[in-house]
Amino acid sequence: MNNPARWLAITIAATVLGLAGWNWRLWWPGAAAPPPPAAASGPVAAVPQVPPPTAAASQPVIRHPIGAASAPPLPEPAPSTIATALAALFGNEALATLVRSEGFVANLVATVDNLGREKAPARLWPLVPPAGRFGTRGGEGGEAIAPENFARYARHLAALEKIDAGRLVALYKRLYPQFQQAYEDLGYPGRHFNDRVVEVIDLLLATPEPNGPIAVRQPPIQGPIRPERPWLLYEFADPAWQALPAGQQLLLRMGPDNERRVKAKLRELRRRLAP
């Protein structure tokens, strides 16, 4: 089960989410940010957004097989072990400010799976969202994401591009059995997490690339309570973009240049993962 390339893809998928980590409840400069979600006391158990496989699917076809494990699975690593390994990859400063090491294995697996679905809940993100407040810019055609907003992702992109592949491979060899087990614990017994990783990478690579401002709008609000500035709700103005899976929407929100940089890394990993 220890194919090193899989850990590379898993980490990049998580970094993608961290790079684009903000939802449509956005606030303007000068306003107090809404309170963060309550912190979990331990690893968060995610519930899959689709029904678990049926008995008829108990023997699925493995599209991207992984080799047999060369050693018995290791016990679940302690949080301190995970933190030490992540610090070796990202550096101590990035670990302290960008990475959520507690519950990392379970949250990372759930997040990778959710990137291909309608929503990727923020409480499961393995990386901290970018700092700063989201901003828009008005125009004749309505509001669009302000170009200055894309600079918020600079530190995450720098961390992504500095990851040492050799250390990544070594860490993957140690932790892959836990990733596979966490995926089965989500409700996919007998399914291979590696197949899901490849699916999500391919989906991210297929994300549209905008050739102009990214238009957003306030969605229709049903009910008597309507948000007002400085706290507004936004969605993509293009209905086709608004219907995209969570991972593709997150890449679009990062801005065209950032999206291309992430895709370049994903293509490199895809070649290693499933040539």
Protein backbone atom coordinates (compact mmCIF):
# COMPACT_ATOMS: atom_id res chain seq x y z
CA MET A 1 0.00 0.00 0.00
CA ASN A 2 3.03 2.28 0.29
CA ASN A 3 3.26 4.04 -3.03
CA PRO A 4 5.01 7.35 -2.22
CA ALA A 5 3.42 9.42 -4.96
CA ARG A 6 0.01 9.25 -3.31
CA TRP A 7 1.09 11.33 -0.33
CA LEU A 8 2.31 14.02 -2.70
CA ALA A 9 -1.13 14.30 -4.25
CA ILE A 10 -2.89 14.21 -0.88
CA THR A 11 -0.81 17.07 0.53
CA ILE A 12 -1.26 19.24 -2.56
CA ALA A 13 -5.01 18.69 -2.55
CA ALA A 14 -5.06 19.86 1.06
CA THR A 15 -2.92 22.89 0.23
CA VAL A 16 -5.28 23.81 -2.59
CA LEU A 17 -8.11 23.94 -0.12
CA GLY A 18 -6.07 26.01 2.32
CA LEU A 19 -5.14 28.42 -0.47
CA ALA A 20 -8.74 29.04 -1.37
CA GLY A 21 -10.18 28.70 2.09
CA TRP A 22 -13.07 31.14 2.45
CA ASN A 23 -16.78 30.64 2.06
CA TRP A 24 -19.42 32.94 0.72
CA ARG A 25 -20.10 34.60 4.07
CA LEU A 26 -17.72 37.46 3.42
CA TRP A 27 -17.17 40.69 5.31
CA TRP A 28 -15.91 44.11 4.32
CA PRO A 29 -13.03 46.17 5.76
CA GLY A 30 -13.86 47.85 9.04
CA ALA A 31 -16.29 45.19 10.16
CA ALA A 32 -15.70 42.73 12.94
CA ALA A 33 -15.26 39.23 11.60
CA PRO A 34 -17.96 36.71 12.54
CA PRO A 35 -16.94 34.28 15.29
CA PRO A 36 -15.03 31.19 14.10
CA PRO A 37 -16.65 27.78 14.37
CA ALA A 38 -16.20 26.01 17.69
CA ALA A 39 -12.94 24.10 17.85
CA ALA A 40 -13.19 20.35 17.91
CA SER A 41 -11.75 18.54 20.91
CA GLY A 42 -10.08 15.93 18.73
CA PRO A 43 -10.06 14.49 15.22
CA VAL A 44 -13.28 15.35 13.43
CA ALA A 45 -15.26 12.44 12.08
CA ALA A 46 -16.73 13.45 8.72
CA VAL A 47 -19.93 12.02 7.31
CA PRO A 48 -19.76 11.38 3.55
CA GLN A 49 -22.20 13.43 1.48
CA VAL A 50 -23.24 10.43 -0.59
CA PRO A 51 -24.62 7.08 0.56
CA PRO A 52 -21.95 4.49 1.40
CA PRO A 53 -21.30 1.72 -1.11
CA THR A 54 -23.87 -1.04 -1.20
CA ALA A 55 -23.13 -4.72 -0.80
CA ALA A 56 -23.23 -5.11 -4.57
CA ALA A 57 -20.28 -2.73 -4.80
CA SER A 58 -18.19 -4.52 -2.17
CA GLN A 59 -15.65 -5.58 -4.81
CA PRO A 60 -15.05 -2.38 -6.80
CA VAL A 61 -12.66 -2.21 -9.70
CA ILE A 62 -9.39 -0.56 -8.67
CA ARG A 63 -8.56 1.96 -11.37
CA HIS A 64 -5.24 3.08 -9.91
CA PRO A 65 -3.91 0.16 -7.88
CA ILE A 66 -1.31 0.50 -5.18
CA GLY A 67 1.22 -2.18 -4.35
CA ALA A 68 1.02 -4.47 -1.39
CA ALA A 69 2.40 -3.07 1.85
CA SER A 70 5.97 -4.04 2.52
CA ALA A 71 5.41 -3.86 6.30
CA PRO A 72 2.48 -4.14 8.70
CA PRO A 73 0.45 -0.94 9.15
CA LEU A 74 1.86 1.34 11.81
CA PRO A 75 -0.25 2.43 14.77
CA GLU A 76 -2.06 5.74 14.57
CA PRO A 77 0.64 8.42 14.99
CA ALA A 78 0.43 10.74 17.96
CA PRO A 79 -0.41 14.42 17.26
CA SER A 80 3.14 15.36 18.27
CA THR A 81 4.52 13.00 15.61
CA ILE A 82 2.29 14.51 12.94
CA ALA A 83 3.30 18.03 13.96
CA THR A 84 7.00 17.15 13.83
CA ALA A 85 6.65 15.61 10.38
CA LEU A 86 4.65 18.57 9.05
CA ALA A 87 7.20 21.01 10.45
CA ALA A 88 9.89 19.21 8.47
CA LEU A 89 7.85 19.77 5.31
CA PHE A 90 6.51 23.28 5.78
CA GLY A 91 8.85 24.75 8.39
CA ASN A 92 8.00 25.72 11.96
CA GLU A 93 6.59 29.14 11.08
CA ALA A 94 4.26 27.79 8.40
CA LEU A 95 3.19 24.97 10.69
CA ALA A 96 2.26 27.43 13.43
CA THR A 97 0.31 29.76 11.15
CA LEU A 98 -0.97 27.70 8.22
CA VAL A 99 -1.43 24.05 9.24
CA ARG A 100 -3.99 22.50 11.56
CA SER A 101 -2.09 19.48 12.80
CA GLU A 102 -4.69 18.21 15.27
CA GLY A 103 -6.86 15.60 13.57
CA PHE A 104 -4.79 16.07 10.42
CA VAL A 105 -5.20 12.56 8.96
CA ALA A 106 -8.98 12.32 9.31
CA ASN A 107 -9.58 15.93 8.27
CA LEU A 108 -7.30 15.71 5.25
CA VAL A 109 -8.97 12.57 3.94
CA ALA A 110 -12.44 14.05 4.42
CA THR A 111 -11.41 17.29 2.72
CA VAL A 112 -9.91 15.55 -0.32
CA ASP A 113 -13.12 13.59 -0.74
CA ASN A 114 -15.29 16.69 -0.31
CA LEU A 115 -13.37 18.70 -2.91
CA GLY A 116 -15.19 16.67 -5.54
CA ARG A 117 -18.59 17.29 -3.99
CA GLU A 118 -20.94 20.22 -3.56
CA LYS A 119 -19.44 21.48 -0.31
CA ALA A 120 -16.17 21.19 1.60
CA PRO A 121 -17.02 22.12 5.22
CA ALA A 122 -14.59 24.58 6.78
CA ARG A 123 -14.48 22.67 10.06
CA LEU A 124 -12.60 19.88 8.25
CA TRP A 125 -9.98 21.99 6.48
CA PRO A 126 -6.43 20.84 7.31
CA LEU A 127 -5.02 24.31 6.53
CA VAL A 128 -5.87 27.72 7.94
CA PRO A 129 -7.67 30.04 5.47
CA PRO A 130 -5.79 33.08 4.14
CA ALA A 131 -5.68 36.15 6.34
CA GLY A 132 -7.41 39.40 5.52
CA ARG A 133 -10.88 40.27 4.34
CA PHE A 134 -12.48 39.49 1.04
CA GLY A 135 -13.15 42.45 -1.22
CA THR A 136 -15.06 43.20 -4.40
CA ARG A 137 -14.86 45.92 -6.99
CA GLY A 138 -17.89 47.46 -8.64
CA GLY A 139 -18.29 48.21 -12.33
CA GLU A 140 -20.84 48.66 -15.08
CA GLY A 141 -21.50 44.94 -15.18
CA GLY A 142 -21.88 44.62 -11.41
CA GLU A 143 -19.50 43.44 -8.71
CA ALA A 144 -16.41 41.29 -9.27
CA ILE A 145 -13.71 39.89 -7.03
CA ALA A 146 -11.13 42.62 -6.46
CA PRO A 147 -7.66 41.75 -7.85
CA GLU A 148 -6.12 42.75 -4.52
CA ASN A 149 -7.93 39.81 -2.95
CA PHE A 150 -5.74 37.30 -4.78
CA ALA A 151 -2.61 38.49 -2.96
CA ARG A 152 -4.00 36.97 0.25
CA TYR A 153 -2.85 33.55 -0.97
CA ALA A 154 0.84 34.44 -1.40
CA ARG A 155 2.08 32.69 1.77
CA HIS A 156 0.14 29.52 1.03
CA LEU A 157 1.48 29.36 -2.52
CA ALA A 158 5.02 29.91 -1.28
CA ALA A 159 4.61 27.02 1.17
CA LEU A 160 3.19 24.82 -1.57
CA GLU A 161 6.07 25.43 -3.92
CA LYS A 162 8.74 24.92 -1.24
CA ILE A 163 7.61 21.42 -0.25
CA ASP A 164 10.53 19.00 -0.52
CA ALA A 165 9.44 15.98 -2.55
CA GLY A 166 11.87 13.60 -0.85
CA ARG A 167 10.59 14.38 2.63
CA LEU A 168 7.06 14.22 1.33
CA VAL A 169 7.66 10.70 0.01
CA ALA A 170 9.21 9.56 3.28
CA LEU A 171 6.27 10.86 5.28
CA TYR A 172 3.83 9.25 2.87
CA LYS A 173 5.42 5.84 3.37
CA ARG A 174 4.86 6.14 7.09
CA LEU A 175 1.31 7.46 7.08
CA TYR A 176 -0.44 5.98 4.04
CA PRO A 177 -2.08 3.07 5.93
CA GLN A 178 -3.73 5.63 8.19
CA PHE A 179 -5.04 7.62 5.22
CA GLN A 180 -6.53 4.47 3.71
CA GLN A 181 -8.13 3.50 7.02
CA ALA A 182 -9.55 7.00 7.49
CA TYR A 183 -11.12 6.80 4.03
CA GLU A 184 -12.76 3.49 4.83
CA ASP A 185 -13.98 4.94 8.12
CA LEU A 186 -15.83 7.64 6.16
CA GLY A 187 -18.11 4.92 4.81
CA TYR A 188 -16.14 3.47 1.89
CA PRO A 189 -15.10 -0.03 3.00
CA GLY A 190 -13.13 -1.78 0.30
CA ARG A 191 -12.68 1.40 -1.71
CA HIS A 192 -9.19 2.72 -2.44
CA PHE A 193 -8.41 6.26 -1.39
CA ASN A 194 -5.83 6.49 -4.13
CA ASP A 195 -8.57 6.25 -6.75
CA ARG A 196 -10.40 9.14 -5.13
CA VAL A 197 -7.22 11.23 -5.03
CA VAL A 198 -6.72 10.77 -8.78
CA GLU A 199 -10.35 11.69 -9.44
CA VAL A 200 -10.05 14.89 -7.45
CA ILE A 201 -6.78 15.91 -9.12
CA ASP A 202 -8.35 15.41 -12.56
CA LEU A 203 -11.37 17.44 -11.49
CA LEU A 204 -9.18 20.31 -10.26
CA LEU A 205 -7.19 20.30 -13.48
CA ALA A 206 -10.46 20.67 -15.42
CA THR A 207 -11.38 23.90 -13.59
CA PRO A 208 -12.28 26.72 -16.01
CA GLU A 209 -9.74 29.52 -16.36
CA PRO A 210 -11.38 32.97 -16.44
CA ASN A 211 -10.11 35.48 -18.98
CA GLY A 212 -11.48 38.53 -17.20
CA PRO A 213 -12.91 39.76 -13.90
CA ILE A 214 -14.72 37.12 -11.85
CA ALA A 215 -18.25 38.44 -11.41
CA VAL A 216 -20.11 37.78 -8.16
CA ARG A 217 -23.57 38.69 -6.93
CA GLN A 218 -25.70 38.55 -3.84
CA PRO A 219 -27.96 35.50 -4.01
CA PRO A 220 -31.71 35.80 -3.56
CA ILE A 221 -32.58 35.65 0.14
CA GLN A 222 -35.72 33.82 1.15
CA GLY A 223 -37.23 35.01 4.41
CA PRO A 224 -37.51 38.23 6.39
CA ILE A 225 -33.84 38.52 7.45
CA ARG A 226 -31.56 40.01 4.82
CA PRO A 227 -27.82 40.61 5.28
CA GLU A 228 -26.56 44.16 4.95
CA ARG A 229 -23.13 45.71 4.59
CA PRO A 230 -20.53 45.18 5.89
CA TRP A 231 -21.44 41.47 6.06
CA LEU A 232 -22.74 40.15 2.75
CA LEU A 233 -23.40 36.86 1.04
CA TYR A 234 -21.97 36.26 -2.42
CA GLU A 235 -22.09 33.65 -5.14
CA PHE A 236 -20.69 33.43 -8.66
CA ALA A 237 -22.75 35.44 -11.14
CA ASP A 238 -22.27 32.71 -13.75
CA PRO A 239 -24.77 29.92 -12.90
CA ALA A 240 -22.50 27.33 -14.50
CA TRP A 241 -19.63 28.29 -12.20
CA GLN A 242 -21.92 28.36 -9.18
CA ALA A 243 -22.91 24.75 -9.96
CA LEU A 244 -19.28 23.52 -10.04
CA PRO A 245 -17.93 21.18 -7.33
CA ALA A 246 -16.38 22.77 -4.25
CA GLY A 247 -12.78 22.19 -5.36
CA GLN A 248 -13.25 23.94 -8.69
CA GLN A 249 -15.03 26.88 -7.07
CA LEU A 250 -12.18 27.25 -4.60
CA LEU A 251 -9.59 27.40 -7.38
CA LEU A 252 -11.61 30.05 -9.21
CA ARG A 253 -11.77 32.22 -6.09
CA MET A 254 -7.97 32.26 -5.89
CA GLY A 255 -7.66 34.21 -9.12
CA PRO A 256 -6.35 33.19 -12.57
CA ASP A 257 -2.60 33.44 -11.85
CA ASN A 258 -2.82 31.51 -8.59
CA GLU A 259 -5.02 28.89 -10.22
CA ARG A 260 -2.43 28.32 -12.96
CA ARG A 261 0.38 27.95 -10.41
CA VAL A 262 -1.55 25.33 -8.46
CA LYS A 263 -2.47 23.48 -11.65
CA ALA A 264 1.18 23.34 -12.71
CA LYS A 265 2.02 21.53 -9.47
CA LEU A 266 -0.97 19.24 -9.83
CA ARG A 267 0.09 18.23 -13.35
CA GLU A 268 3.53 17.30 -12.07
CA LEU A 269 1.99 15.18 -9.34
CA ARG A 270 -0.51 13.60 -11.70
CA ARG A 271 2.34 12.39 -13.91
CA ARG A 272 4.01 10.75 -10.91
CA LEU A 273 0.74 9.36 -9.59
CA ALA A 274 -0.79 7.67 -12.62
CA PRO A 275 1.35 7.98 -15.77
